[in-house]
Amino acid sequence: QVQLVESGGGVVQAGESLKLSCVASRSTFGVMNWYRQAPGKERELVATVARDGTKTHAAAVEGRFFVSRDNAKSTIYLQMNNLQPEDTAKYYCNYFSIWGRGTQVTVSS
């Protein structure tokens, strides 16, 4: 079974950037996703990326977040620019029913 490991989270100020990574333990062939969950809120889909590079972004992050994928490295990325306090959440990588443990992103105002 594929295992997913996220990294790159941290504490930043509003307006700054972070880049998250998610490494899979073996090659993946389906769509991979980034989700986030803030305290007291439901987990929400942030971005998706297919093996051919086709991608989608949630309306809340469109134009600020950019998902990408490196199939040779079995890795997906989430470049997050102009971070805002409402982006504070734990960010998770997902592949079908498989989830990583998440990486925390905290944005202070």
C-alpha atoms as a PDB file:
ATOM      1  CA  GLN A   1       0.000   0.000   0.000  1.00  0.00           C
ATOM      2  CA  VAL A   2       1.195   3.476  -0.856  1.00  0.00           C
ATOM      3  CA  GLN A   3       2.309   5.652   2.022  1.00  0.00           C
ATOM      4  CA  LEU A   4       2.217   9.441   1.840  1.00  0.00           C
ATOM      5  CA  VAL A   5       4.456  11.806   3.786  1.00  0.00           C
ATOM      6  CA  GLU A   6       3.863  15.543   3.830  1.00  0.00           C
ATOM      7  CA  SER A   7       6.390  18.220   4.738  1.00  0.00           C
ATOM      8  CA  GLY A   8       6.963  21.942   4.451  1.00  0.00           C
ATOM      9  CA  GLY A   9       4.480  23.352   6.919  1.00  0.00           C
ATOM     10  CA  GLY A  10       5.370  26.057   9.394  1.00  0.00           C
ATOM     11  CA  VAL A  11       4.458  29.357  10.998  1.00  0.00           C
ATOM     12  CA  VAL A  12       4.464  32.416   8.747  1.00  0.00           C
ATOM     13  CA  GLN A  13       3.060  35.911   8.700  1.00  0.00           C
ATOM     14  CA  ALA A  14       0.246  37.020   6.439  1.00  0.00           C
ATOM     15  CA  GLY A  15       1.451  37.655   2.916  1.00  0.00           C
ATOM     16  CA  GLU A  16       4.316  35.166   3.073  1.00  0.00           C
ATOM     17  CA  SER A  17       4.693  31.903   1.157  1.00  0.00           C
ATOM     18  CA  LEU A  18       5.238  28.223   1.881  1.00  0.00           C
ATOM     19  CA  LYS A  19       5.723  25.193  -0.332  1.00  0.00           C
ATOM     20  CA  LEU A  20       4.370  21.867   0.812  1.00  0.00           C
ATOM     21  CA  SER A  21       5.593  18.519  -0.487  1.00  0.00           C
ATOM     22  CA  CYS A  22       4.011  15.089  -0.414  1.00  0.00           C
ATOM     23  CA  VAL A  23       6.176  12.092  -1.231  1.00  0.00           C
ATOM     24  CA  ALA A  24       4.581   8.760  -2.103  1.00  0.00           C
ATOM     25  CA  SER A  25       6.362   5.502  -1.272  1.00  0.00           C
ATOM     26  CA  ARG A  26       5.878   4.279  -4.839  1.00  0.00           C
ATOM     27  CA  SER A  27       4.626   5.560  -8.169  1.00  0.00           C
ATOM     28  CA  THR A  28       1.056   6.741  -8.277  1.00  0.00           C
ATOM     29  CA  PHE A  29      -1.101   6.772 -11.378  1.00  0.00           C
ATOM     30  CA  GLY A  30      -4.335   8.384 -10.312  1.00  0.00           C
ATOM     31  CA  VAL A  31      -5.316  11.861  -9.196  1.00  0.00           C
ATOM     32  CA  MET A  32      -3.596  13.121  -6.061  1.00  0.00           C
ATOM     33  CA  ASN A  33      -5.126  15.719  -3.828  1.00  0.00           C
ATOM     34  CA  TRP A  34      -4.378  18.289  -1.163  1.00  0.00           C
ATOM     35  CA  TYR A  35      -6.946  18.780   1.583  1.00  0.00           C
ATOM     36  CA  ARG A  36      -6.903  20.973   4.661  1.00  0.00           C
ATOM     37  CA  GLN A  37      -8.715  20.963   7.967  1.00  0.00           C
ATOM     38  CA  ALA A  38      -8.926  23.901  10.326  1.00  0.00           C
ATOM     39  CA  PRO A  39      -9.861  23.452  13.999  1.00  0.00           C
ATOM     40  CA  GLY A  40     -13.591  22.916  14.367  1.00  0.00           C
ATOM     41  CA  LYS A  41     -14.139  22.711  10.622  1.00  0.00           C
ATOM     42  CA  GLU A  42     -14.632  19.922   8.128  1.00  0.00           C
ATOM     43  CA  ARG A  43     -11.812  18.785   5.907  1.00  0.00           C
ATOM     44  CA  GLU A  44     -11.954  20.599   2.580  1.00  0.00           C
ATOM     45  CA  LEU A  45     -10.442  19.931  -0.826  1.00  0.00           C
ATOM     46  CA  VAL A  46      -7.767  22.458  -1.771  1.00  0.00           C
ATOM     47  CA  ALA A  47      -6.298  21.193  -5.043  1.00  0.00           C
ATOM     48  CA  THR A  48      -6.060  18.161  -7.306  1.00  0.00           C
ATOM     49  CA  VAL A  49      -3.470  17.080  -9.842  1.00  0.00           C
ATOM     50  CA  ALA A  50      -3.613  14.208 -12.291  1.00  0.00           C
ATOM     51  CA  ARG A  51      -0.642  12.268 -13.580  1.00  0.00           C
ATOM     52  CA  ASP A  52      -0.771  14.195 -16.857  1.00  0.00           C
ATOM     53  CA  GLY A  53      -0.587  17.476 -14.950  1.00  0.00           C
ATOM     54  CA  THR A  54      -4.238  18.421 -15.212  1.00  0.00           C
ATOM     55  CA  LYS A  55      -5.033  20.388 -12.080  1.00  0.00           C
ATOM     56  CA  THR A  56      -7.846  22.106 -10.197  1.00  0.00           C
ATOM     57  CA  HIS A  57      -7.858  24.543  -7.300  1.00  0.00           C
ATOM     58  CA  ALA A  58     -10.580  25.456  -4.845  1.00  0.00           C
ATOM     59  CA  ALA A  59     -12.096  28.892  -5.323  1.00  0.00           C
ATOM     60  CA  ALA A  60     -10.773  29.997  -1.922  1.00  0.00           C
ATOM     61  CA  VAL A  61      -7.156  29.528  -3.042  1.00  0.00           C
ATOM     62  CA  GLU A  62      -7.392  30.177  -6.785  1.00  0.00           C
ATOM     63  CA  GLY A  63      -4.633  32.505  -7.916  1.00  0.00           C
ATOM     64  CA  ARG A  64      -2.667  32.096  -4.663  1.00  0.00           C
ATOM     65  CA  PHE A  65      -2.008  28.351  -4.422  1.00  0.00           C
ATOM     66  CA  PHE A  66      -0.496  26.258  -7.200  1.00  0.00           C
ATOM     67  CA  VAL A  67      -0.384  22.466  -7.226  1.00  0.00           C
ATOM     68  CA  SER A  68       2.208  20.555  -9.228  1.00  0.00           C
ATOM     69  CA  ARG A  69       3.455  17.016  -9.639  1.00  0.00           C
ATOM     70  CA  ASP A  70       6.780  15.351 -10.346  1.00  0.00           C
ATOM     71  CA  ASN A  71       6.044  11.770 -11.394  1.00  0.00           C
ATOM     72  CA  ALA A  72       9.727  10.811 -11.490  1.00  0.00           C
ATOM     73  CA  LYS A  73       9.960  11.687  -7.800  1.00  0.00           C
ATOM     74  CA  SER A  74       6.488  10.393  -6.870  1.00  0.00           C
ATOM     75  CA  THR A  75       5.905  13.795  -5.331  1.00  0.00           C
ATOM     76  CA  ILE A  76       3.269  16.482  -5.450  1.00  0.00           C
ATOM     77  CA  TYR A  77       3.705  20.033  -4.282  1.00  0.00           C
ATOM     78  CA  LEU A  78       1.539  22.887  -3.132  1.00  0.00           C
ATOM     79  CA  GLN A  79       3.034  26.337  -3.594  1.00  0.00           C
ATOM     80  CA  MET A  80       1.109  28.693  -1.319  1.00  0.00           C
ATOM     81  CA  ASN A  81       1.541  32.415  -1.854  1.00  0.00           C
ATOM     82  CA  ASN A  82       0.055  35.419  -0.083  1.00  0.00           C
ATOM     83  CA  LEU A  83      -0.978  33.259   2.846  1.00  0.00           C
ATOM     84  CA  GLN A  84      -3.755  34.595   5.045  1.00  0.00           C
ATOM     85  CA  PRO A  85      -4.843  33.712   8.601  1.00  0.00           C
ATOM     86  CA  GLU A  86      -7.834  31.827   7.195  1.00  0.00           C
ATOM     87  CA  ASP A  87      -5.391  29.447   5.503  1.00  0.00           C
ATOM     88  CA  THR A  88      -4.323  28.192   8.919  1.00  0.00           C
ATOM     89  CA  ALA A  89      -5.014  24.464   8.940  1.00  0.00           C
ATOM     90  CA  LYS A  90      -3.458  21.058   8.827  1.00  0.00           C
ATOM     91  CA  TYR A  91      -2.778  20.142   5.218  1.00  0.00           C
ATOM     92  CA  TYR A  92      -3.140  16.553   4.062  1.00  0.00           C
ATOM     93  CA  CYS A  93      -2.074  14.668   0.971  1.00  0.00           C
ATOM     94  CA  ASN A  94      -4.559  12.131  -0.362  1.00  0.00           C
ATOM     95  CA  TYR A  95      -4.513   9.347  -2.947  1.00  0.00           C
ATOM     96  CA  PHE A  96      -7.761   7.392  -3.244  1.00  0.00           C
ATOM     97  CA  SER A  97      -8.427   6.136   0.311  1.00  0.00           C
ATOM     98  CA  ILE A  98      -4.880   6.793   1.512  1.00  0.00           C
ATOM     99  CA  TRP A  99      -3.999   9.797   3.655  1.00  0.00           C
ATOM    100  CA  GLY A 100      -0.794  11.230   4.950  1.00  0.00           C
ATOM    101  CA  ARG A 101      -0.458  12.420   8.542  1.00  0.00           C
ATOM    102  CA  GLY A 102      -0.561  16.053   7.526  1.00  0.00           C
ATOM    103  CA  THR A 103       1.604  19.106   8.003  1.00  0.00           C
ATOM    104  CA  GLN A 104       0.536  22.143  10.017  1.00  0.00           C
ATOM    105  CA  VAL A 105       0.382  25.589   8.453  1.00  0.00           C
ATOM    106  CA  THR A 106      -0.156  28.536  10.766  1.00  0.00           C
ATOM    107  CA  VAL A 107      -0.516  32.079   9.441  1.00  0.00           C
ATOM    108  CA  SER A 108      -0.402  34.991  11.837  1.00  0.00           C
ATOM    109  CA  SER A 109      -1.848  38.392  11.055  1.00  0.00           C
END
